[in-house]
N, C-alpha and C. Protein backbone atom coordinates (compact mmCIF):
# COMPACT_ATOMS: atom_id res chain seq x y z
N MET A 1 -29.95 -84.56 33.03
CA MET A 1 -30.27 -83.39 32.25
C MET A 1 -29.73 -82.16 32.94
N THR A 2 -29.40 -81.21 32.14
CA THR A 2 -28.85 -79.95 32.63
C THR A 2 -30.00 -78.98 32.91
N ASP A 3 -29.88 -78.27 34.02
CA ASP A 3 -30.85 -77.21 34.32
C ASP A 3 -30.50 -75.99 33.50
N ILE A 4 -31.51 -75.39 32.92
CA ILE A 4 -31.32 -74.17 32.13
C ILE A 4 -32.20 -73.10 32.74
N ARG A 5 -31.62 -71.95 32.99
CA ARG A 5 -32.37 -70.85 33.58
C ARG A 5 -32.56 -69.77 32.53
N VAL A 6 -33.77 -69.25 32.48
CA VAL A 6 -34.07 -68.17 31.55
C VAL A 6 -34.60 -66.98 32.35
N ARG A 7 -34.38 -65.79 31.81
CA ARG A 7 -34.78 -64.57 32.52
C ARG A 7 -36.24 -64.21 32.28
N ASP A 8 -36.74 -64.49 31.07
CA ASP A 8 -38.10 -64.08 30.77
C ASP A 8 -38.69 -65.00 29.71
N LEU A 9 -39.93 -64.75 29.38
CA LEU A 9 -40.65 -65.59 28.43
C LEU A 9 -40.03 -65.55 27.04
N ASP A 10 -39.54 -64.42 26.62
CA ASP A 10 -38.91 -64.32 25.29
C ASP A 10 -37.66 -65.19 25.22
N GLU A 11 -36.88 -65.23 26.29
CA GLU A 11 -35.67 -66.06 26.30
C GLU A 11 -36.07 -67.55 26.29
N LEU A 12 -37.15 -67.89 27.00
CA LEU A 12 -37.65 -69.27 26.99
C LEU A 12 -38.08 -69.68 25.59
N ARG A 13 -38.82 -68.82 24.89
CA ARG A 13 -39.25 -69.13 23.51
C ARG A 13 -38.05 -69.36 22.60
N ALA A 14 -37.06 -68.51 22.72
CA ALA A 14 -35.86 -68.65 21.88
C ALA A 14 -35.14 -69.96 22.19
N ARG A 15 -35.04 -70.29 23.46
CA ARG A 15 -34.35 -71.53 23.85
C ARG A 15 -35.11 -72.76 23.35
N LEU A 16 -36.44 -72.74 23.48
CA LEU A 16 -37.26 -73.85 22.99
C LEU A 16 -37.16 -73.98 21.47
N ALA A 17 -37.18 -72.85 20.77
CA ALA A 17 -37.05 -72.88 19.31
C ALA A 17 -35.74 -73.51 18.90
N GLN A 18 -34.73 -73.37 19.72
CA GLN A 18 -33.41 -73.95 19.43
C GLN A 18 -33.35 -75.42 19.81
N ASP A 19 -33.86 -75.77 20.99
CA ASP A 19 -33.68 -77.12 21.52
C ASP A 19 -34.70 -78.16 21.03
N VAL A 20 -35.94 -77.75 20.84
CA VAL A 20 -36.97 -78.73 20.50
C VAL A 20 -36.69 -79.45 19.18
N PRO A 21 -36.30 -78.77 18.11
CA PRO A 21 -36.00 -79.52 16.87
C PRO A 21 -34.86 -80.53 17.05
N MET A 22 -33.84 -80.16 17.84
CA MET A 22 -32.73 -81.07 18.07
C MET A 22 -33.21 -82.30 18.87
N LEU A 23 -34.02 -82.07 19.90
CA LEU A 23 -34.54 -83.18 20.70
C LEU A 23 -35.46 -84.06 19.87
N LYS A 24 -36.30 -83.44 19.04
CA LYS A 24 -37.19 -84.20 18.18
C LYS A 24 -36.39 -85.08 17.22
N ALA A 25 -35.33 -84.56 16.67
CA ALA A 25 -34.49 -85.33 15.75
C ALA A 25 -33.88 -86.54 16.47
N LYS A 26 -33.46 -86.35 17.71
CA LYS A 26 -32.89 -87.47 18.48
C LYS A 26 -33.94 -88.55 18.72
N VAL A 27 -35.14 -88.13 19.10
CA VAL A 27 -36.21 -89.09 19.35
C VAL A 27 -36.60 -89.79 18.05
N ASP A 28 -36.74 -89.04 16.97
CA ASP A 28 -37.09 -89.65 15.68
C ASP A 28 -36.07 -90.69 15.24
N LYS A 29 -34.81 -90.44 15.54
CA LYS A 29 -33.76 -91.38 15.17
C LYS A 29 -33.85 -92.67 16.00
N ALA A 30 -34.34 -92.57 17.23
CA ALA A 30 -34.42 -93.72 18.12
C ALA A 30 -35.68 -94.57 17.92
N LEU A 31 -36.72 -93.98 17.35
CA LEU A 31 -38.00 -94.69 17.26
C LEU A 31 -37.97 -95.98 16.43
N PRO A 32 -37.26 -96.05 15.30
CA PRO A 32 -37.23 -97.34 14.59
C PRO A 32 -36.61 -98.46 15.43
N TYR A 33 -35.62 -98.12 16.26
CA TYR A 33 -35.02 -99.11 17.15
C TYR A 33 -36.06 -99.58 18.18
N ALA A 34 -36.82 -98.63 18.74
CA ALA A 34 -37.87 -98.98 19.70
C ALA A 34 -38.93 -99.86 19.01
N ALA A 35 -39.28 -99.55 17.78
CA ALA A 35 -40.27 -100.35 17.05
C ALA A 35 -39.75 -101.76 16.82
N ALA A 36 -38.46 -101.90 16.52
CA ALA A 36 -37.89 -103.24 16.31
C ALA A 36 -37.96 -104.05 17.60
N LYS A 37 -37.65 -103.42 18.73
CA LYS A 37 -37.75 -104.12 20.01
C LYS A 37 -39.20 -104.47 20.33
N THR A 38 -40.12 -103.61 19.93
CA THR A 38 -41.54 -103.85 20.15
C THR A 38 -42.02 -105.08 19.38
N THR A 39 -41.53 -105.27 18.15
CA THR A 39 -41.95 -106.44 17.38
C THR A 39 -41.56 -107.73 18.09
N ILE A 40 -40.43 -107.73 18.75
CA ILE A 40 -39.99 -108.93 19.49
C ILE A 40 -40.97 -109.24 20.62
N VAL A 41 -41.38 -108.19 21.33
CA VAL A 41 -42.33 -108.37 22.43
C VAL A 41 -43.66 -108.89 21.90
N MET A 42 -44.18 -108.29 20.84
CA MET A 42 -45.47 -108.71 20.28
C MET A 42 -45.40 -110.14 19.74
N LYS A 43 -44.31 -110.49 19.08
CA LYS A 43 -44.18 -111.85 18.54
C LYS A 43 -44.16 -112.88 19.66
N GLY A 44 -43.67 -112.49 20.82
CA GLY A 44 -43.67 -113.40 21.95
C GLY A 44 -45.04 -113.63 22.56
N ARG A 45 -45.99 -112.76 22.27
CA ARG A 45 -47.33 -112.87 22.85
C ARG A 45 -48.38 -113.38 21.86
N VAL A 46 -48.10 -113.34 20.58
CA VAL A 46 -49.11 -113.67 19.58
C VAL A 46 -49.34 -115.19 19.56
N PRO A 47 -50.62 -115.62 19.51
CA PRO A 47 -50.87 -117.06 19.38
C PRO A 47 -50.40 -117.53 18.00
N VAL A 48 -49.83 -118.71 17.97
CA VAL A 48 -49.26 -119.21 16.72
C VAL A 48 -50.01 -120.44 16.26
N ALA A 49 -50.60 -120.37 15.08
CA ALA A 49 -51.20 -121.54 14.47
C ALA A 49 -50.27 -122.00 13.35
N PHE A 50 -50.19 -121.22 12.29
CA PHE A 50 -49.31 -121.54 11.17
C PHE A 50 -48.19 -120.53 11.01
N GLY A 51 -48.21 -119.48 11.79
CA GLY A 51 -47.14 -118.50 11.76
C GLY A 51 -47.41 -117.28 10.91
N GLU A 52 -48.55 -117.21 10.20
CA GLU A 52 -48.79 -116.05 9.34
C GLU A 52 -48.86 -114.76 10.15
N LEU A 53 -49.59 -114.79 11.26
CA LEU A 53 -49.71 -113.60 12.09
C LEU A 53 -48.37 -113.25 12.72
N HIS A 54 -47.70 -114.22 13.26
CA HIS A 54 -46.37 -114.03 13.85
C HIS A 54 -45.42 -113.41 12.83
N ASP A 55 -45.41 -113.98 11.63
CA ASP A 55 -44.49 -113.50 10.59
C ASP A 55 -44.89 -112.16 10.01
N SER A 56 -46.15 -111.76 10.20
CA SER A 56 -46.60 -110.48 9.65
C SER A 56 -46.20 -109.29 10.53
N ILE A 57 -45.73 -109.55 11.73
CA ILE A 57 -45.34 -108.47 12.63
C ILE A 57 -43.98 -107.95 12.18
N HIS A 58 -43.95 -106.65 11.85
CA HIS A 58 -42.72 -106.05 11.33
C HIS A 58 -42.71 -104.55 11.62
N VAL A 59 -41.59 -103.92 11.32
CA VAL A 59 -41.45 -102.48 11.49
C VAL A 59 -41.82 -101.80 10.18
N ALA A 60 -42.64 -100.78 10.28
CA ALA A 60 -42.98 -99.92 9.13
C ALA A 60 -42.81 -98.49 9.61
N GLY A 61 -41.76 -97.84 9.14
CA GLY A 61 -41.46 -96.49 9.62
C GLY A 61 -41.02 -96.55 11.06
N ASN A 62 -41.78 -95.91 11.93
CA ASN A 62 -41.48 -95.91 13.36
C ASN A 62 -42.45 -96.77 14.16
N SER A 63 -43.17 -97.65 13.49
CA SER A 63 -44.24 -98.41 14.14
C SER A 63 -44.03 -99.90 13.99
N ALA A 64 -44.53 -100.65 14.96
CA ALA A 64 -44.61 -102.09 14.86
C ALA A 64 -46.00 -102.42 14.32
N ILE A 65 -46.05 -103.20 13.25
CA ILE A 65 -47.29 -103.48 12.54
C ILE A 65 -47.51 -104.99 12.49
N ALA A 66 -48.76 -105.40 12.70
CA ALA A 66 -49.18 -106.78 12.44
C ALA A 66 -50.22 -106.68 11.34
N ASP A 67 -49.86 -107.08 10.12
CA ASP A 67 -50.76 -106.86 9.00
C ASP A 67 -51.30 -108.14 8.35
N ALA A 68 -51.31 -109.23 9.09
CA ALA A 68 -51.99 -110.42 8.58
C ALA A 68 -53.48 -110.10 8.49
N PRO A 69 -54.19 -110.68 7.53
CA PRO A 69 -55.61 -110.35 7.36
C PRO A 69 -56.45 -110.59 8.61
N HIS A 70 -56.05 -111.54 9.43
CA HIS A 70 -56.83 -111.88 10.62
C HIS A 70 -56.27 -111.28 11.90
N ALA A 71 -55.32 -110.34 11.80
CA ALA A 71 -54.67 -109.77 12.99
C ALA A 71 -55.67 -109.10 13.92
N ALA A 72 -56.55 -108.29 13.38
CA ALA A 72 -57.51 -107.58 14.23
C ALA A 72 -58.46 -108.55 14.92
N ALA A 73 -58.91 -109.57 14.20
CA ALA A 73 -59.83 -110.54 14.80
C ALA A 73 -59.15 -111.33 15.92
N VAL A 74 -57.87 -111.61 15.77
CA VAL A 74 -57.14 -112.31 16.84
C VAL A 74 -56.96 -111.38 18.03
N GLU A 75 -56.61 -110.14 17.76
CA GLU A 75 -56.38 -109.17 18.85
C GLU A 75 -57.65 -108.91 19.66
N VAL A 76 -58.73 -108.54 19.02
CA VAL A 76 -59.93 -108.10 19.74
C VAL A 76 -61.07 -109.12 19.74
N GLY A 77 -60.85 -110.28 19.11
CA GLY A 77 -61.92 -111.26 19.01
C GLY A 77 -62.82 -110.92 17.84
N SER A 78 -63.86 -111.70 17.66
CA SER A 78 -64.77 -111.44 16.55
C SER A 78 -66.20 -111.75 16.96
N ARG A 79 -67.11 -111.13 16.25
CA ARG A 79 -68.53 -111.44 16.43
C ARG A 79 -68.80 -112.81 15.83
N PRO A 80 -69.93 -113.37 16.14
CA PRO A 80 -70.28 -114.65 15.51
C PRO A 80 -70.28 -114.52 13.98
N HIS A 81 -69.64 -115.47 13.34
CA HIS A 81 -69.58 -115.52 11.88
C HIS A 81 -69.24 -116.95 11.47
N LEU A 82 -69.39 -117.28 10.23
CA LEU A 82 -69.08 -118.62 9.75
C LEU A 82 -67.73 -118.58 9.04
N PRO A 83 -66.66 -119.01 9.72
CA PRO A 83 -65.35 -118.99 9.08
C PRO A 83 -65.24 -120.11 8.05
N PRO A 84 -64.32 -119.97 7.09
CA PRO A 84 -64.14 -121.05 6.11
C PRO A 84 -63.65 -122.33 6.80
N LEU A 85 -64.10 -123.45 6.31
CA LEU A 85 -63.82 -124.74 6.94
C LEU A 85 -62.38 -125.21 6.72
N GLU A 86 -61.83 -125.02 5.53
CA GLU A 86 -60.50 -125.57 5.21
C GLU A 86 -59.40 -125.10 6.18
N PRO A 87 -59.30 -123.80 6.50
CA PRO A 87 -58.27 -123.41 7.47
C PRO A 87 -58.49 -124.03 8.85
N LEU A 88 -59.75 -124.22 9.23
CA LEU A 88 -60.02 -124.87 10.52
C LEU A 88 -59.59 -126.33 10.51
N ILE A 89 -59.81 -127.01 9.40
CA ILE A 89 -59.38 -128.41 9.29
C ILE A 89 -57.86 -128.48 9.40
N ALA A 90 -57.18 -127.60 8.69
CA ALA A 90 -55.71 -127.57 8.76
C ALA A 90 -55.25 -127.29 10.18
N TRP A 91 -55.92 -126.37 10.88
CA TRP A 91 -55.55 -126.02 12.25
C TRP A 91 -55.76 -127.23 13.17
N VAL A 92 -56.89 -127.92 13.02
CA VAL A 92 -57.17 -129.10 13.85
C VAL A 92 -56.10 -130.16 13.62
N LYS A 93 -55.75 -130.39 12.37
CA LYS A 93 -54.73 -131.40 12.07
C LYS A 93 -53.40 -131.03 12.71
N ARG A 94 -53.02 -129.77 12.59
CA ARG A 94 -51.74 -129.33 13.16
C ARG A 94 -51.76 -129.44 14.68
N ARG A 95 -52.79 -128.91 15.30
CA ARG A 95 -52.87 -128.96 16.76
C ARG A 95 -53.00 -130.40 17.24
N GLY A 96 -53.76 -131.20 16.54
CA GLY A 96 -53.91 -132.59 16.93
C GLY A 96 -52.59 -133.34 16.90
N MET A 97 -51.81 -133.13 15.87
CA MET A 97 -50.51 -133.78 15.77
C MET A 97 -49.58 -133.30 16.89
N GLN A 98 -49.61 -132.00 17.18
CA GLN A 98 -48.78 -131.47 18.27
C GLN A 98 -49.20 -132.07 19.60
N GLY A 99 -50.50 -132.20 19.81
CA GLY A 99 -51.00 -132.74 21.07
C GLY A 99 -50.79 -134.23 21.21
N LEU A 100 -50.80 -134.96 20.09
CA LEU A 100 -50.60 -136.40 20.13
C LEU A 100 -49.12 -136.78 20.20
N GLY A 101 -48.26 -135.84 19.80
CA GLY A 101 -46.82 -136.10 19.77
C GLY A 101 -46.23 -136.20 21.16
N ALA A 102 -44.91 -136.35 21.21
CA ALA A 102 -44.19 -136.51 22.47
C ALA A 102 -44.32 -135.27 23.36
N GLY A 103 -44.53 -134.14 22.76
CA GLY A 103 -44.66 -132.91 23.54
C GLY A 103 -44.77 -131.75 22.58
N PRO A 104 -45.01 -130.57 23.11
CA PRO A 104 -45.16 -129.41 22.23
C PRO A 104 -43.85 -129.09 21.51
N ASN A 105 -43.99 -128.56 20.31
CA ASN A 105 -42.81 -128.13 19.56
C ASN A 105 -42.09 -127.03 20.32
N THR A 106 -40.84 -126.78 19.99
CA THR A 106 -40.07 -125.76 20.70
C THR A 106 -40.69 -124.39 20.56
N TRP A 107 -41.35 -124.09 19.42
CA TRP A 107 -41.96 -122.78 19.26
C TRP A 107 -43.13 -122.58 20.21
N MET A 108 -43.67 -123.68 20.78
CA MET A 108 -44.80 -123.57 21.70
C MET A 108 -44.35 -123.35 23.13
N LYS A 109 -43.05 -123.41 23.39
CA LYS A 109 -42.55 -123.22 24.74
C LYS A 109 -43.02 -121.88 25.28
N GLY A 110 -43.67 -121.90 26.42
CA GLY A 110 -44.15 -120.68 27.04
C GLY A 110 -45.48 -120.19 26.49
N ARG A 111 -46.05 -120.89 25.54
CA ARG A 111 -47.32 -120.47 24.95
C ARG A 111 -48.42 -121.37 25.50
N LYS A 112 -48.88 -121.07 26.69
CA LYS A 112 -49.83 -121.93 27.39
C LYS A 112 -51.12 -122.14 26.61
N ARG A 113 -51.59 -121.08 25.97
CA ARG A 113 -52.85 -121.20 25.21
C ARG A 113 -52.69 -122.16 24.04
N ASP A 114 -51.56 -122.07 23.32
CA ASP A 114 -51.33 -122.96 22.18
C ASP A 114 -51.18 -124.41 22.65
N VAL A 115 -50.47 -124.62 23.75
CA VAL A 115 -50.29 -125.97 24.29
C VAL A 115 -51.64 -126.53 24.74
N ARG A 116 -52.46 -125.71 25.40
CA ARG A 116 -53.78 -126.14 25.84
C ARG A 116 -54.64 -126.53 24.63
N HIS A 117 -54.61 -125.72 23.57
CA HIS A 117 -55.37 -126.06 22.36
C HIS A 117 -54.91 -127.39 21.79
N ALA A 118 -53.60 -127.60 21.73
CA ALA A 118 -53.07 -128.85 21.17
C ALA A 118 -53.55 -130.04 21.98
N ARG A 119 -53.52 -129.92 23.29
CA ARG A 119 -53.96 -131.03 24.14
C ARG A 119 -55.46 -131.28 24.02
N VAL A 120 -56.25 -130.20 23.95
CA VAL A 120 -57.70 -130.36 23.81
C VAL A 120 -58.03 -131.05 22.49
N ILE A 121 -57.43 -130.60 21.42
CA ILE A 121 -57.70 -131.19 20.10
C ILE A 121 -57.27 -132.65 20.07
N ALA A 122 -56.09 -132.94 20.61
CA ALA A 122 -55.62 -134.34 20.66
C ALA A 122 -56.60 -135.19 21.47
N GLY A 123 -57.10 -134.65 22.57
CA GLY A 123 -58.07 -135.38 23.39
C GLY A 123 -59.36 -135.65 22.64
N ARG A 124 -59.82 -134.66 21.87
CA ARG A 124 -61.06 -134.84 21.11
C ARG A 124 -60.87 -135.86 19.99
N LEU A 125 -59.69 -135.83 19.36
CA LEU A 125 -59.41 -136.86 18.34
C LEU A 125 -59.41 -138.24 18.98
N GLN A 126 -58.82 -138.34 20.16
CA GLN A 126 -58.79 -139.64 20.85
C GLN A 126 -60.19 -140.09 21.26
N GLU A 127 -61.03 -139.15 21.69
CA GLU A 127 -62.43 -139.48 22.04
C GLU A 127 -63.17 -140.05 20.84
N LEU A 128 -62.98 -139.43 19.67
CA LEU A 128 -63.64 -139.93 18.47
C LEU A 128 -63.15 -141.34 18.14
N ALA A 129 -61.84 -141.58 18.27
CA ALA A 129 -61.30 -142.92 18.00
C ALA A 129 -61.83 -143.93 19.01
N ASN A 130 -61.87 -143.55 20.29
CA ASN A 130 -62.38 -144.46 21.33
C ASN A 130 -63.86 -144.78 21.13
N ALA A 131 -64.62 -143.82 20.64
CA ALA A 131 -66.06 -144.04 20.41
C ALA A 131 -66.28 -145.12 19.36
N ARG A 132 -65.32 -145.28 18.48
CA ARG A 132 -65.41 -146.34 17.45
C ARG A 132 -64.80 -147.64 17.97
N GLY A 133 -64.23 -147.62 19.17
CA GLY A 133 -63.63 -148.82 19.74
C GLY A 133 -62.21 -149.05 19.27
N GLY A 134 -61.62 -148.08 18.64
CA GLY A 134 -60.24 -148.24 18.16
C GLY A 134 -59.35 -147.13 18.67
N THR A 135 -58.11 -147.20 18.26
CA THR A 135 -57.17 -146.17 18.68
C THR A 135 -56.74 -145.29 17.51
N ALA A 136 -57.05 -145.73 16.29
CA ALA A 136 -56.62 -144.96 15.12
C ALA A 136 -57.65 -143.89 14.79
N ASN A 137 -57.17 -142.77 14.30
CA ASN A 137 -58.07 -141.71 13.86
C ASN A 137 -58.47 -141.97 12.42
N GLU A 138 -59.71 -141.64 12.10
CA GLU A 138 -60.16 -141.72 10.73
C GLU A 138 -59.89 -140.40 10.03
N VAL A 139 -59.89 -140.44 8.73
CA VAL A 139 -59.58 -139.27 7.93
C VAL A 139 -60.53 -138.11 8.21
N ASP A 140 -61.80 -138.42 8.46
CA ASP A 140 -62.76 -137.34 8.65
C ASP A 140 -62.87 -136.83 10.09
N ASP A 141 -62.10 -137.38 11.03
CA ASP A 141 -62.14 -136.89 12.42
C ASP A 141 -61.78 -135.41 12.51
N PRO A 142 -60.70 -134.95 11.89
CA PRO A 142 -60.40 -133.52 11.95
C PRO A 142 -61.51 -132.66 11.34
N VAL A 143 -62.19 -133.18 10.32
CA VAL A 143 -63.29 -132.44 9.70
C VAL A 143 -64.44 -132.30 10.69
N LYS A 144 -64.74 -133.36 11.42
CA LYS A 144 -65.81 -133.31 12.42
C LYS A 144 -65.50 -132.24 13.48
N ILE A 145 -64.29 -132.25 13.97
CA ILE A 145 -63.90 -131.28 15.00
C ILE A 145 -63.91 -129.87 14.42
N ALA A 146 -63.40 -129.71 13.20
CA ALA A 146 -63.39 -128.38 12.57
C ALA A 146 -64.81 -127.86 12.40
N ARG A 147 -65.74 -128.72 12.04
CA ARG A 147 -67.15 -128.29 11.90
C ARG A 147 -67.72 -127.86 13.26
N GLN A 148 -67.34 -128.56 14.32
CA GLN A 148 -67.79 -128.17 15.66
C GLN A 148 -67.24 -126.79 16.03
N ILE A 149 -65.98 -126.56 15.70
CA ILE A 149 -65.36 -125.25 15.98
C ILE A 149 -66.04 -124.19 15.13
N GLN A 150 -66.28 -124.50 13.85
CA GLN A 150 -66.95 -123.55 12.96
C GLN A 150 -68.33 -123.19 13.51
N PHE A 151 -69.06 -124.18 13.99
CA PHE A 151 -70.39 -123.93 14.56
C PHE A 151 -70.27 -123.05 15.82
N ALA A 152 -69.30 -123.34 16.67
CA ALA A 152 -69.12 -122.56 17.90
C ALA A 152 -68.78 -121.11 17.58
N ILE A 153 -67.92 -120.88 16.59
CA ILE A 153 -67.58 -119.51 16.18
C ILE A 153 -68.81 -118.83 15.60
N GLY A 154 -69.62 -119.59 14.85
CA GLY A 154 -70.86 -119.05 14.30
C GLY A 154 -71.85 -118.66 15.38
N LYS A 155 -71.78 -119.34 16.50
CA LYS A 155 -72.71 -119.07 17.60
C LYS A 155 -72.18 -118.01 18.56
N ARG A 156 -70.87 -118.07 18.90
CA ARG A 156 -70.32 -117.20 19.94
C ARG A 156 -69.24 -116.23 19.48
N GLY A 157 -68.71 -116.39 18.27
CA GLY A 157 -67.58 -115.57 17.85
C GLY A 157 -66.29 -116.13 18.43
N THR A 158 -65.26 -115.30 18.47
CA THR A 158 -63.97 -115.73 19.03
C THR A 158 -63.56 -114.78 20.15
N LYS A 159 -62.78 -115.30 21.08
CA LYS A 159 -62.30 -114.50 22.20
C LYS A 159 -61.08 -113.68 21.76
N PRO A 160 -60.88 -112.54 22.39
CA PRO A 160 -59.69 -111.74 22.06
C PRO A 160 -58.43 -112.37 22.64
N SER A 161 -57.30 -112.13 21.98
CA SER A 161 -56.00 -112.57 22.49
C SER A 161 -55.21 -111.44 23.12
N TRP A 162 -55.48 -110.21 22.69
CA TRP A 162 -54.80 -109.02 23.22
C TRP A 162 -53.27 -109.14 23.15
N PHE A 163 -52.74 -109.68 22.06
CA PHE A 163 -51.29 -109.78 21.94
C PHE A 163 -50.62 -108.42 21.85
N ALA A 164 -51.27 -107.43 21.22
CA ALA A 164 -50.71 -106.08 21.14
C ALA A 164 -50.99 -105.31 22.43
N ARG A 165 -52.24 -105.30 22.86
CA ARG A 165 -52.60 -104.57 24.08
C ARG A 165 -51.84 -105.13 25.28
N GLY A 166 -51.70 -106.43 25.35
CA GLY A 166 -50.96 -107.05 26.45
C GLY A 166 -49.48 -106.73 26.43
N SER A 167 -48.98 -106.29 25.28
CA SER A 167 -47.56 -105.92 25.16
C SER A 167 -47.29 -104.49 25.62
N LEU A 168 -48.34 -103.69 25.83
CA LEU A 168 -48.16 -102.27 26.12
C LEU A 168 -47.28 -101.96 27.33
N PRO A 169 -47.39 -102.68 28.46
CA PRO A 169 -46.49 -102.36 29.56
C PRO A 169 -45.01 -102.51 29.19
N LYS A 170 -44.67 -103.55 28.46
CA LYS A 170 -43.27 -103.72 28.03
C LYS A 170 -42.89 -102.68 26.98
N ILE A 171 -43.82 -102.34 26.11
CA ILE A 171 -43.55 -101.32 25.10
C ILE A 171 -43.28 -99.97 25.77
N LYS A 172 -44.04 -99.67 26.79
CA LYS A 172 -43.82 -98.44 27.55
C LYS A 172 -42.40 -98.43 28.14
N ASP A 173 -41.96 -99.54 28.69
CA ASP A 173 -40.60 -99.63 29.23
C ASP A 173 -39.56 -99.47 28.13
N ILE A 174 -39.82 -100.07 26.96
CA ILE A 174 -38.89 -99.93 25.83
C ILE A 174 -38.78 -98.47 25.42
N LEU A 175 -39.91 -97.80 25.29
CA LEU A 175 -39.88 -96.38 24.89
C LEU A 175 -39.15 -95.53 25.93
N ARG A 176 -39.43 -95.79 27.19
CA ARG A 176 -38.75 -95.03 28.25
C ARG A 176 -37.23 -95.22 28.15
N GLU A 177 -36.80 -96.45 27.94
CA GLU A 177 -35.37 -96.75 27.86
C GLU A 177 -34.74 -96.14 26.59
N VAL A 178 -35.34 -96.42 25.44
CA VAL A 178 -34.75 -96.01 24.16
C VAL A 178 -34.78 -94.49 24.00
N VAL A 179 -35.91 -93.86 24.30
CA VAL A 179 -36.01 -92.41 24.17
C VAL A 179 -35.12 -91.73 25.22
N GLY A 180 -35.10 -92.27 26.43
CA GLY A 180 -34.22 -91.71 27.46
C GLY A 180 -32.76 -91.74 27.05
N GLN A 181 -32.33 -92.86 26.48
CA GLN A 181 -30.94 -92.97 26.01
C GLN A 181 -30.68 -91.97 24.88
N ALA A 182 -31.62 -91.83 23.99
CA ALA A 182 -31.45 -90.91 22.86
C ALA A 182 -31.33 -89.46 23.36
N LEU A 183 -32.17 -89.09 24.32
CA LEU A 183 -32.13 -87.71 24.83
C LEU A 183 -30.86 -87.45 25.64
N ARG A 184 -30.32 -88.49 26.25
CA ARG A 184 -29.05 -88.32 26.98
C ARG A 184 -27.84 -88.36 26.05
N GLY A 185 -28.11 -88.65 24.77
CA GLY A 185 -27.02 -88.67 23.80
C GLY A 185 -26.37 -90.02 23.65
N ASN A 186 -26.96 -91.07 24.24
CA ASN A 186 -26.41 -92.43 24.09
C ASN A 186 -27.07 -93.07 22.87
N PRO A 187 -26.32 -93.85 22.11
CA PRO A 187 -26.90 -94.49 20.93
C PRO A 187 -27.89 -95.58 21.28
């Protein structure tokens, strides 16, 4: 940055009146790019069940937005409540298949929480099968596990994931880089 010297307060006011709108325009032009980079960071931290929350993260104006209906509950957790059973059954089936398979899907790479859930669910499905003396899962095993999860959420609520809050240090770096480049006149 260039040093600018002014003789008095009136000259400073005039200089600010001239420079601030130009600087604001540069920053405003850079913010959608910063928001786009922010969505990448947030998508890398969000827990993935079926992808609705991941896919809901997008740029709106100059902001990164996660607008899935359950985004806030995933971010900050929830109080005890009785969630609908059908989505839990679908989640158990998906996680159980991932945990029983050869390994986590490629989208789970680096997502320790999702991999842990898959392994726990697969283990619980196997426990139910072993309790019957067999190795095959019955059709209602995922329902049993989903009801247990539903009961636990009804008793304790859900833990926060902090996918947005946890992204803030990287977002700060993105803003520093993008806004700094814009103010220096770099695209």
